[in-house]
Amino acid sequence: MKRRYERPSAYIEEFTPNEYVAACGDHGKVYKFECNAGEKNKQYNVYYFNNGQKKYLTKGGLFGSYYHPCKATHEAEEDTGFISGFIDDQSTWQDEKIPVVIWTDNGRDVHCTTNLNMKEWATAKS
């Protein structure tokens, strides 16, 4: 019995998704860190250097008079205002220049940690 030749054909089907799936990491990494720089009952100036100039975040300026640690653990997206800077105890005459990572919550508040290596910080899902 002979087979009959059939011309090859292609079928096109349209895919229509019926569920929304969110991609992980849409907004970047979320860091967990403790606001632990300094002692609770002391007052500190918080500053950083920009193009060689000292810029204060607390010293009666942008965020109020002085910083003191709240000792809380915060969660913050990596693009919400992390700055490498310093704190200075206002009860002493010298500038201690204590290195910290400053989180400004996009310019709304100031929190500082002495854990300078962000790669060691715990992360949460974004």
Protein backbone atom coordinates (compact mmCIF):
# COMPACT_ATOMS: atom_id res chain seq x y z
CA MET A 1 0.00 0.00 0.00
CA LYS A 2 1.38 3.32 -1.03
CA ARG A 3 1.31 6.35 1.25
CA ARG A 4 -0.09 9.52 -0.02
CA TYR A 5 2.08 12.66 0.19
CA GLU A 6 0.78 15.35 2.49
CA ARG A 7 2.18 18.80 2.41
CA PRO A 8 3.73 19.88 5.80
CA SER A 9 1.77 22.49 7.70
CA ALA A 10 2.37 24.59 10.81
CA TYR A 11 -0.16 25.56 13.41
CA ILE A 12 0.10 28.81 15.34
CA GLU A 13 -1.38 29.01 18.80
CA GLU A 14 -1.62 32.26 20.74
CA PHE A 15 -0.47 32.13 24.36
CA THR A 16 -2.72 34.03 26.73
CA PRO A 17 -1.52 34.21 30.31
CA ASN A 18 -4.18 33.78 32.94
CA GLU A 19 -2.09 34.64 36.03
CA TYR A 20 0.16 37.49 37.03
CA VAL A 21 3.63 36.43 38.16
CA ALA A 22 5.89 38.93 39.88
CA ALA A 23 9.60 38.72 39.23
CA CYS A 24 11.90 38.53 42.23
CA GLY A 25 14.13 41.50 42.79
CA ASP A 26 12.01 44.08 40.98
CA HIS A 27 13.17 46.80 43.37
CA GLY A 28 16.62 45.59 44.39
CA LYS A 29 17.99 44.17 47.58
CA VAL A 30 16.38 44.88 50.96
CA TYR A 31 18.95 45.16 53.76
CA LYS A 32 18.36 44.56 57.46
CA PHE A 33 20.61 46.54 59.78
CA GLU A 34 20.66 47.75 63.38
CA CYS A 35 20.79 51.45 64.23
CA ASN A 36 23.59 50.89 66.76
CA ALA A 37 26.20 53.62 66.28
CA GLY A 38 26.90 55.51 69.48
CA GLU A 39 25.42 55.39 72.97
CA LYS A 40 21.72 55.88 73.60
CA ASN A 41 21.87 58.93 75.92
CA LYS A 42 24.53 60.90 74.03
CA GLN A 43 24.16 63.38 71.20
CA TYR A 44 26.09 63.04 67.95
CA ASN A 45 26.67 65.03 64.81
CA VAL A 46 26.41 62.89 61.68
CA TYR A 47 28.40 63.89 58.61
CA TYR A 48 30.03 62.67 55.41
CA PHE A 49 32.44 64.09 52.88
CA ASN A 50 31.38 65.16 49.39
CA ASN A 51 34.13 66.39 47.06
CA GLY A 52 36.37 66.99 50.06
CA GLN A 53 33.78 69.10 51.90
CA LYS A 54 32.22 68.06 55.20
CA LYS A 55 28.41 67.79 54.88
CA TYR A 56 26.38 67.54 58.09
CA LEU A 57 23.15 65.55 58.25
CA THR A 58 22.55 66.40 61.91
CA LYS A 59 23.92 69.51 63.56
CA GLY A 60 20.86 71.66 63.82
CA GLY A 61 20.54 71.31 60.07
CA LEU A 62 18.65 69.06 57.72
CA PHE A 63 17.20 66.55 60.20
CA GLY A 64 17.15 68.43 63.49
CA SER A 65 19.73 68.98 66.15
CA TYR A 66 21.52 65.71 66.96
CA TYR A 67 21.52 61.98 66.30
CA HIS A 68 21.25 59.25 68.92
CA PRO A 69 20.85 55.51 68.17
CA CYS A 70 17.35 54.03 68.34
CA LYS A 71 18.78 50.46 68.60
CA ALA A 72 16.01 49.20 66.25
CA THR A 73 16.56 46.87 63.31
CA HIS A 74 15.48 48.51 60.07
CA GLU A 75 14.71 47.09 56.62
CA ALA A 76 15.68 49.32 53.73
CA GLU A 77 15.93 48.94 49.97
CA GLU A 78 19.45 49.46 48.71
CA ASP A 79 18.51 52.61 46.78
CA THR A 80 16.92 54.51 49.70
CA GLY A 81 19.83 56.63 50.85
CA PHE A 82 22.89 54.77 52.21
CA ILE A 83 25.98 56.95 52.76
CA SER A 84 29.42 56.18 54.19
CA GLY A 85 30.11 58.75 56.88
CA PHE A 86 31.00 59.49 60.49
CA ILE A 87 29.52 60.38 63.87
CA ASP A 88 31.03 62.75 66.43
CA ASP A 89 30.15 62.71 70.15
CA GLN A 90 29.15 66.25 71.15
CA SER A 91 30.08 65.74 74.82
CA THR A 92 33.80 65.80 73.94
CA TRP A 93 35.95 68.55 72.42
CA GLN A 94 37.63 66.35 69.79
CA ASP A 95 36.03 64.90 66.64
CA GLU A 96 36.10 61.12 67.17
CA LYS A 97 35.30 60.57 63.47
CA ILE A 98 33.64 57.18 64.17
CA PRO A 99 33.04 55.46 60.80
CA VAL A 100 29.42 54.48 60.12
CA VAL A 101 27.02 53.62 57.33
CA ILE A 102 24.24 56.20 57.36
CA TRP A 103 20.71 55.47 56.16
CA THR A 104 18.60 58.55 55.45
CA ASP A 105 15.38 56.83 54.28
CA ASN A 106 15.43 59.01 51.16
CA GLY A 107 16.19 62.10 53.22
CA ARG A 108 13.47 61.66 55.86
CA ASP A 109 15.43 60.39 58.87
CA VAL A 110 18.93 59.43 60.03
CA HIS A 111 19.98 56.00 61.31
CA CYS A 112 23.61 54.80 61.62
CA THR A 113 25.29 51.43 61.98
CA THR A 114 28.86 50.53 62.83
CA ASN A 115 28.66 47.37 60.69
CA LEU A 116 30.43 48.88 57.67
CA ASN A 117 30.41 45.81 55.40
CA MET A 118 26.98 45.75 53.76
CA LYS A 119 27.81 42.36 52.22
CA GLU A 120 27.57 40.90 55.76
CA TRP A 121 24.12 42.37 56.41
CA ALA A 122 21.07 40.11 56.41
CA THR A 123 18.73 40.64 53.48
CA ALA A 124 15.01 40.22 53.03
CA LYS A 125 13.01 39.45 49.92
CA SER A 126 12.17 42.53 47.92
